[in-house]
Amino acid sequence: MKEEYKQTKRKKPIYIYIYETLHNEIGKGMYSTAEFLPSEKELCERFDVERNTVRKALKLLVDDGMIIRVPGCGTKIVTQEEKSQESKQAEDIGHCILLTTQEDYLHNADGEYFHLKLIKSFENVFSNLGYNLIVKYIEKETDLKNTILQTSPSAIIFDSYHQSACYQEAIRAGIPCISVNHYTPLMTSLVSNNFDGAYQVVKMLTEAGHERIALITGKRNYQTTVERLGGIQKLYMQNGIPIKEKYIFTGNWQFNSGVEIGEKILAFPKEERPTAVFAFNDDMAFGCLSCFEKHGIAVPEDISIVGFDKTERYQSIFGPITTVDVNIDALVEYACWYLSGRISNTAPMTRVKIDIDVTIVDNGTVKRPNTSVPE
């Protein structure tokens, strides 16, 4: 197989070659529809490529409707019955809501849980209103344009950041739309009050006596990260607290990055080690908590932890942590109310930013600092 590709590699990208190979094999019935395709690892070994290359090929097969990605299980070939069901849903054209994402959360088992929870909440509300929710990973405006042509959505929800060209494409199409989790001046935007939430967290920690607070941010160029850092900076400036870069760590929103940063926090000398951790989402907070438990560091006796978003992904394993409730229900209800009004032409198109109030949920993982932190 590798030799065969070497003879054709100048003609096409390897992921196209892998896509065409698997496409032909599925078409010829080389795989049973009751089976899963070989794992990504096996396909990487077969074609001698990196995992990202295999994933690009598999995405094309997903787009063709030939396979579906099953989180935690693998890649399953779509049966004729499943294809018929998709066709039936497509007949309901013009009565669906398109929710676009910045990452393929539904097919990424390690994806940030907040977005999965948000998608599920939108699905429940719109189902009760008689709409199908179609979730699509959109990279560029041409992807959105093609999806609009295929589905004729009644409205579009943009989940988090998208390129301006994507917003403009939806506006050109004359489709009611709204942005959630990201502010854009091009349309009405619903965002949790990240600034105030972060301000209230560090206020709580400083009032509890914490002076060395480790911050685990999300990706630093994200609007969410910038807003939460802004709330922290305001509190620090008001109290004359210097911002120490050595206590700021950049995560990627996922559990594993919390684990890695937890190790870095524990590497500080005892007299410099942070007495509290504020992670910008619960996934990273639980990752950090996992690291501390592994090393025998008790929370909150030895170190306090606060998260953000109020998600329950790891709660059954570690128990609840103090966090910020971003009020997903209010965000979803407002978005649905606004879009319903736009669809029925009973509400005007607006371009305003609406901050959804957030609250701290105290689950007991914050207490006054322990001056005798274990080595």
Protein backbone atom coordinates (compact mmCIF):
# COMPACT_ATOMS: atom_id res chain seq x y z
CA MET A 1 0.00 0.00 0.00
CA LYS A 2 2.85 2.39 0.83
CA GLU A 3 4.57 1.63 -2.49
CA GLU A 4 1.33 2.22 -4.36
CA TYR A 5 1.02 5.64 -2.77
CA LYS A 6 4.62 6.56 -3.56
CA GLN A 7 3.79 6.12 -7.24
CA THR A 8 0.87 8.56 -7.02
CA LYS A 9 1.94 11.04 -4.34
CA ARG A 10 2.90 13.72 -6.86
CA LYS A 11 -0.61 13.71 -8.27
CA LYS A 12 -2.69 14.25 -5.11
CA PRO A 13 -2.37 14.90 -1.35
CA ILE A 14 -2.05 11.72 0.67
CA TYR A 15 -5.24 12.35 2.64
CA ILE A 16 -7.15 12.39 -0.67
CA TYR A 17 -5.52 9.11 -1.61
CA ILE A 18 -6.51 7.58 1.76
CA TYR A 19 -10.06 8.94 1.36
CA GLU A 20 -10.42 7.48 -2.13
CA THR A 21 -8.97 4.14 -1.05
CA LEU A 22 -11.36 3.75 1.88
CA HIS A 23 -14.25 5.10 -0.18
CA ASN A 24 -13.69 2.40 -2.82
CA GLU A 25 -13.25 -0.33 -0.22
CA ILE A 26 -16.50 0.61 1.53
CA GLY A 27 -18.29 0.82 -1.83
CA LYS A 28 -17.10 -2.67 -2.76
CA GLY A 29 -18.42 -4.07 0.51
CA MET A 30 -15.02 -4.93 1.93
CA TYR A 31 -16.32 -3.93 5.36
CA SER A 32 -19.50 -5.14 6.98
CA THR A 33 -21.94 -2.36 7.86
CA ALA A 34 -22.12 -3.87 11.33
CA GLU A 35 -18.40 -3.29 11.77
CA PHE A 36 -16.21 -0.33 12.54
CA LEU A 37 -13.39 0.80 10.31
CA PRO A 38 -9.86 0.08 11.55
CA SER A 39 -8.80 2.48 14.32
CA GLU A 40 -6.99 5.74 13.54
CA LYS A 41 -3.81 4.14 14.87
CA GLU A 42 -4.17 1.17 12.54
CA LEU A 43 -4.86 3.43 9.57
CA CYS A 44 -1.80 5.53 10.45
CA GLU A 45 0.32 2.39 10.41
CA ARG A 46 -1.25 1.11 7.20
CA PHE A 47 -0.65 4.33 5.25
CA ASP A 48 2.47 5.41 7.17
CA VAL A 49 1.06 8.87 8.02
CA GLU A 50 0.33 11.08 11.01
CA ARG A 51 -3.06 10.98 12.75
CA ASN A 52 -4.12 14.42 11.46
CA THR A 53 -3.79 13.15 7.89
CA VAL A 54 -6.03 10.17 8.62
CA ARG A 55 -8.55 12.44 10.32
CA LYS A 56 -8.75 14.70 7.26
CA ALA A 57 -9.52 11.67 5.10
CA LEU A 58 -12.14 10.39 7.54
CA LYS A 59 -13.78 13.83 7.66
CA LEU A 60 -14.35 13.63 3.89
CA LEU A 61 -16.02 10.24 4.36
CA VAL A 62 -18.20 11.73 7.12
CA ASP A 63 -19.16 14.59 4.80
CA ASP A 64 -20.10 12.00 2.16
CA GLY A 65 -22.37 10.29 4.65
CA MET A 66 -20.47 7.02 4.38
CA ILE A 67 -19.28 6.83 7.98
CA ILE A 68 -20.10 8.27 11.38
CA ARG A 69 -17.70 8.93 14.25
CA VAL A 70 -18.87 7.33 17.50
CA PRO A 71 -17.11 8.95 20.51
CA GLY A 72 -15.27 6.37 22.58
CA CYS A 73 -15.91 3.58 20.05
CA GLY A 74 -14.47 4.45 16.65
CA THR A 75 -15.66 4.98 13.09
CA LYS A 76 -18.76 3.11 11.95
CA ILE A 77 -19.95 2.57 8.40
CA VAL A 78 -23.40 4.06 7.81
CA THR A 79 -26.05 1.45 7.07
CA GLN A 80 -28.70 1.82 4.37
CA GLU A 81 -31.31 2.23 7.11
CA GLU A 82 -29.34 5.10 8.64
CA LYS A 83 -28.99 6.73 5.21
CA SER A 84 -32.77 6.49 4.72
CA GLN A 85 -33.28 8.18 8.06
CA GLU A 86 -30.94 11.01 7.05
CA SER A 87 -32.87 11.43 3.79
CA LYS A 88 -36.11 11.61 5.74
CA GLN A 89 -34.68 14.34 7.94
CA ALA A 90 -33.48 16.22 4.88
CA GLU A 91 -37.07 16.29 3.60
CA ASP A 92 -37.89 18.53 6.54
CA ILE A 93 -35.88 21.25 4.83
CA GLY A 94 -36.53 24.80 5.97
CA HIS A 95 -37.53 23.74 9.46
CA CYS A 96 -34.15 23.26 11.06
CA ILE A 97 -31.73 25.35 13.09
CA LEU A 98 -28.06 25.26 12.13
CA LEU A 99 -25.56 25.43 14.98
CA THR A 100 -22.00 25.96 13.79
CA THR A 101 -18.99 25.16 15.96
CA GLN A 102 -15.34 26.19 15.90
CA GLU A 103 -14.24 22.62 16.67
CA ASP A 104 -15.75 19.23 15.95
CA TYR A 105 -16.98 18.79 19.51
CA LEU A 106 -19.40 15.97 18.73
CA HIS A 107 -16.67 13.75 17.30
CA ASN A 108 -13.90 14.69 19.71
CA ALA A 109 -14.14 12.69 22.93
CA ASP A 110 -11.65 15.09 24.56
CA GLY A 111 -13.50 18.22 23.45
CA GLU A 112 -14.44 20.88 25.98
CA TYR A 113 -17.52 19.60 27.81
CA PHE A 114 -19.10 23.05 28.10
CA HIS A 115 -19.88 23.06 24.37
CA LEU A 116 -21.36 19.57 24.43
CA LYS A 117 -23.63 20.68 27.26
CA LEU A 118 -24.60 23.83 25.36
CA ILE A 119 -25.40 21.87 22.19
CA LYS A 120 -27.56 19.43 24.13
CA SER A 121 -29.46 22.30 25.76
CA PHE A 122 -30.16 23.93 22.37
CA GLU A 123 -31.26 20.57 20.99
CA ASN A 124 -33.79 20.07 23.78
CA VAL A 125 -35.31 23.55 23.48
CA PHE A 126 -35.58 23.60 19.68
CA SER A 127 -36.95 20.06 19.62
CA ASN A 128 -39.82 21.26 21.81
CA LEU A 129 -40.39 24.07 19.31
CA GLY A 130 -40.58 21.57 16.44
CA TYR A 131 -37.15 22.22 14.90
CA ASN A 132 -34.32 19.84 14.09
CA LEU A 133 -30.93 21.05 15.35
CA ILE A 134 -28.14 20.46 12.84
CA VAL A 135 -24.65 20.76 14.31
CA LYS A 136 -21.83 21.42 11.83
CA TYR A 137 -18.13 22.10 12.19
CA ILE A 138 -17.48 25.12 9.95
CA GLU A 139 -13.96 26.21 9.04
CA LYS A 140 -14.57 28.84 6.38
CA GLU A 141 -17.36 30.72 4.64
CA THR A 142 -17.50 28.27 1.73
CA ASP A 143 -18.29 25.48 4.21
CA LEU A 144 -21.12 27.58 5.61
CA LYS A 145 -22.41 28.48 2.15
CA ASN A 146 -22.55 24.82 1.11
CA THR A 147 -24.24 23.82 4.38
CA ILE A 148 -26.87 26.53 3.92
CA LEU A 149 -27.60 25.26 0.41
CA GLN A 150 -27.94 21.69 1.69
CA THR A 151 -30.13 22.41 4.72
CA SER A 152 -31.92 25.74 4.17
CA PRO A 153 -31.90 26.52 7.90
CA SER A 154 -34.50 28.75 9.48
CA ALA A 155 -31.79 30.30 11.68
CA ILE A 156 -28.10 29.97 12.49
CA ILE A 157 -26.37 29.89 15.88
CA PHE A 158 -22.64 30.60 15.87
CA ASP A 159 -21.02 28.87 18.84
CA SER A 160 -17.89 30.83 19.87
CA TYR A 161 -15.45 32.48 17.48
CA HIS A 162 -15.80 32.25 13.71
CA GLN A 163 -14.14 34.18 10.92
CA SER A 164 -15.90 37.43 10.01
CA ALA A 165 -16.47 36.04 6.53
CA CYS A 166 -18.69 33.33 8.01
CA TYR A 167 -20.86 35.87 9.81
CA GLN A 168 -21.10 37.94 6.65
CA GLU A 169 -22.10 34.90 4.59
CA ALA A 170 -25.04 34.24 6.91
CA ILE A 171 -26.07 37.90 6.78
CA ARG A 172 -25.88 37.92 2.96
CA ALA A 173 -28.14 34.86 2.91
CA GLY A 174 -30.73 36.81 4.91
CA ILE A 175 -30.95 34.13 7.61
CA PRO A 176 -31.70 35.12 11.24
CA CYS A 177 -28.57 34.44 13.27
CA ILE A 178 -27.03 34.96 16.68
CA SER A 179 -23.56 34.50 18.19
CA VAL A 180 -23.12 32.78 21.56
CA ASN A 181 -19.91 32.73 23.63
CA HIS A 182 -18.31 35.36 21.39
CA TYR A 183 -19.08 39.00 20.74
CA THR A 184 -19.11 40.23 17.16
CA PRO A 185 -20.42 43.66 16.13
CA LEU A 186 -22.02 42.04 13.07
CA MET A 187 -24.96 40.49 14.96
CA THR A 188 -26.60 40.13 18.35
CA SER A 189 -24.20 38.31 20.64
CA LEU A 190 -24.93 36.45 23.86
CA VAL A 191 -22.01 35.96 26.24
CA SER A 192 -21.65 34.98 29.86
CA ASN A 193 -20.28 37.82 31.96
CA ASN A 194 -16.73 36.46 31.98
CA PHE A 195 -15.27 39.70 33.29
CA ASP A 196 -17.46 39.82 36.39
CA GLY A 197 -17.20 36.07 37.01
CA ALA A 198 -13.41 36.15 37.14
CA TYR A 199 -13.47 39.33 39.23
CA GLN A 200 -15.72 37.66 41.82
CA VAL A 201 -13.52 34.55 41.98
CA VAL A 202 -10.28 36.40 42.74
CA LYS A 203 -12.15 38.67 45.16
CA MET A 204 -13.30 35.56 47.04
CA LEU A 205 -9.79 34.09 47.04
CA THR A 206 -8.03 37.25 48.17
CA GLU A 207 -10.59 37.86 50.90
CA ALA A 208 -9.89 34.30 52.09
CA GLY A 209 -6.25 35.32 52.50
CA HIS A 210 -4.69 33.92 49.33
CA GLU A 211 -1.79 35.96 47.95
CA ARG A 212 -0.20 33.40 45.64
CA ILE A 213 -2.96 32.46 43.16
CA ALA A 214 -2.11 30.34 40.13
CA LEU A 215 -4.17 31.20 37.06
CA ILE A 216 -4.77 28.53 34.40
CA THR A 217 -6.05 30.44 31.40
CA GLY A 218 -7.48 29.11 28.18
CA LYS A 219 -5.83 29.87 24.87
CA ARG A 220 -4.53 33.41 25.33
CA ASN A 221 -5.98 34.87 22.09
CA TYR A 222 -9.54 33.74 22.90
CA GLN A 223 -12.03 36.47 23.73
CA THR A 224 -13.19 34.44 26.75
CA THR A 225 -9.63 34.33 28.12
CA VAL A 226 -9.09 38.05 27.55
CA GLU A 227 -12.34 38.96 29.34
CA ARG A 228 -11.60 36.73 32.35
CA LEU A 229 -8.07 38.10 32.62
CA GLY A 230 -9.55 41.59 32.48
CA GLY A 231 -11.73 40.89 35.51
CA ILE A 232 -8.71 39.63 37.44
CA GLN A 233 -6.60 42.63 36.48
CA LYS A 234 -9.33 45.01 37.70
CA LEU A 235 -9.43 43.35 41.14
CA TYR A 236 -5.65 43.31 41.40
CA MET A 237 -5.39 46.98 40.46
CA GLN A 238 -8.05 47.97 42.99
CA ASN A 239 -6.21 46.12 45.76
CA GLY A 240 -2.70 47.08 44.67
CA ILE A 241 -1.75 43.45 44.01
CA PRO A 242 1.07 42.98 41.49
CA ILE A 243 0.44 40.54 38.66
CA LYS A 244 3.15 37.87 38.65
CA GLU A 245 3.60 36.16 35.30
CA LYS A 246 5.19 33.11 36.94
CA TYR A 247 1.76 32.26 38.38
CA ILE A 248 -0.03 32.49 35.01
CA PHE A 249 -0.20 29.29 32.95
CA THR A 250 -1.73 28.84 29.51
CA GLY A 251 -3.91 25.75 29.08
CA ASN A 252 -5.91 24.48 26.12
CA TRP A 253 -9.26 24.05 27.94
CA GLN A 254 -8.78 20.27 28.25
CA PHE A 255 -8.35 17.99 31.29
CA ASN A 256 -4.83 16.90 30.34
CA SER A 257 -3.50 20.45 30.25
CA GLY A 258 -4.78 20.87 33.82
CA VAL A 259 -2.81 17.78 34.84
CA GLU A 260 0.37 19.10 33.20
CA ILE A 261 0.02 22.52 34.78
CA GLY A 262 -0.67 20.92 38.16
CA GLU A 263 2.78 19.32 37.94
CA LYS A 264 4.32 22.73 37.24
CA ILE A 265 2.55 24.24 40.23
CA LEU A 266 3.85 21.51 42.54
CA ALA A 267 7.38 22.09 41.19
CA PHE A 268 7.53 25.51 42.90
CA PRO A 269 9.62 25.70 46.08
CA LYS A 270 7.43 25.33 49.15
CA GLU A 271 7.72 29.00 50.11
CA GLU A 272 6.67 30.13 46.59
CA ARG A 273 4.06 27.51 45.80
CA PRO A 274 0.57 28.90 45.02
CA THR A 275 -1.99 28.38 47.77
CA ALA A 276 -4.92 28.58 45.35
CA VAL A 277 -5.64 27.71 41.71
CA PHE A 278 -8.20 29.45 39.51
CA ALA A 279 -8.72 27.53 36.26
CA PHE A 280 -10.65 29.18 33.44
CA ASN A 281 -12.83 26.11 32.95
CA ASP A 282 -13.82 23.07 34.99
CA ASP A 283 -12.08 20.55 32.70
CA MET A 284 -8.67 22.07 33.49
CA ALA A 285 -9.59 22.53 37.16
CA PHE A 286 -10.42 18.84 37.50
CA GLY A 287 -7.20 17.93 35.69
CA CYS A 288 -5.25 19.97 38.21
CA LEU A 289 -7.19 18.37 41.07
CA SER A 290 -6.35 14.92 39.70
CA CYS A 291 -2.64 15.80 39.72
CA PHE A 292 -2.81 17.06 43.31
CA GLU A 293 -4.59 13.94 44.54
CA LYS A 294 -1.96 11.78 42.84
CA HIS A 295 0.76 13.56 44.86
CA GLY A 296 -1.14 13.51 48.14
CA ILE A 297 -2.01 17.21 48.10
CA ALA A 298 -5.39 17.70 49.76
CA VAL A 299 -7.99 20.15 48.40
CA PRO A 300 -8.84 22.54 49.97
CA GLU A 301 -6.72 21.79 53.08
CA ASP A 302 -3.40 22.19 51.26
CA ILE A 303 -4.49 24.17 48.20
CA SER A 304 -7.78 25.72 47.06
CA ILE A 305 -9.27 25.21 43.57
CA VAL A 306 -11.91 27.11 41.62
CA GLY A 307 -13.15 26.36 38.10
CA PHE A 308 -15.46 28.07 35.62
CA ASP A 309 -18.55 27.02 33.56
CA LYS A 310 -20.21 24.63 36.08
CA THR A 311 -19.99 21.38 34.14
CA GLU A 312 -20.38 17.91 35.63
CA ARG A 313 -18.07 15.88 33.39
CA TYR A 314 -15.67 14.74 36.13
CA GLN A 315 -17.82 15.47 39.16
CA SER A 316 -18.80 11.82 39.71
CA ILE A 317 -15.09 10.92 39.94
CA PHE A 318 -13.70 13.75 42.05
CA GLY A 319 -16.76 15.29 43.62
CA PRO A 320 -17.98 18.88 42.99
CA ILE A 321 -15.65 21.86 43.01
CA THR A 322 -16.27 25.54 43.60
CA THR A 323 -16.98 27.04 40.19
CA VAL A 324 -18.75 29.78 38.25
CA ASP A 325 -22.22 28.99 36.92
CA VAL A 326 -22.42 30.67 33.51
CA ASN A 327 -26.18 30.10 33.41
CA ILE A 328 -26.41 28.08 30.20
CA ASP A 329 -30.19 27.78 30.57
CA ALA A 330 -30.67 31.56 30.48
CA LEU A 331 -28.28 31.89 27.54
CA VAL A 332 -30.12 29.22 25.54
CA GLU A 333 -33.58 30.49 26.44
CA TYR A 334 -32.72 34.04 25.37
CA ALA A 335 -31.14 32.86 22.11
CA CYS A 336 -34.19 30.73 21.28
CA TRP A 337 -36.57 33.56 22.15
CA TYR A 338 -34.65 35.99 19.94
CA LEU A 339 -34.38 33.60 16.97
CA SER A 340 -38.05 32.60 17.23
CA GLY A 341 -38.96 36.27 16.98
CA ARG A 342 -36.66 36.79 14.02
CA ILE A 343 -38.00 33.71 12.22
CA SER A 344 -41.60 34.86 12.66
CA ASN A 345 -40.67 38.48 11.79
CA THR A 346 -42.01 39.67 15.16
CA ALA A 347 -38.62 40.87 16.39
CA PRO A 348 -36.28 43.34 14.69
CA MET A 349 -32.70 42.46 13.73
CA THR A 350 -30.31 43.90 16.30
CA ARG A 351 -26.57 44.01 16.81
CA VAL A 352 -26.19 44.24 20.55
CA LYS A 353 -24.04 42.47 23.11
CA ILE A 354 -25.98 40.87 25.95
CA ASP A 355 -24.11 39.74 29.07
CA ILE A 356 -25.69 36.83 30.92
CA ASP A 357 -25.24 37.09 34.70
CA VAL A 358 -23.00 34.48 36.32
CA THR A 359 -22.79 33.29 39.94
CA ILE A 360 -20.22 31.52 42.07
CA VAL A 361 -21.25 28.07 43.27
CA ASP A 362 -19.41 27.30 46.52
CA ASN A 363 -18.80 23.56 46.75
CA GLY A 364 -16.24 23.79 49.52
CA THR A 365 -12.94 23.67 47.63
CA VAL A 366 -11.80 27.07 48.92
CA LYS A 367 -10.53 27.82 52.42
CA ARG A 368 -7.89 30.00 54.06
CA PRO A 369 -4.35 29.06 52.98
CA ASN A 370 -2.44 26.41 54.89
CA THR A 371 1.01 27.71 55.78
CA SER A 372 2.36 24.18 56.11
CA VAL A 373 1.87 22.87 52.56
CA PRO A 374 3.40 19.37 52.17
CA GLU A 375 6.67 19.01 50.31
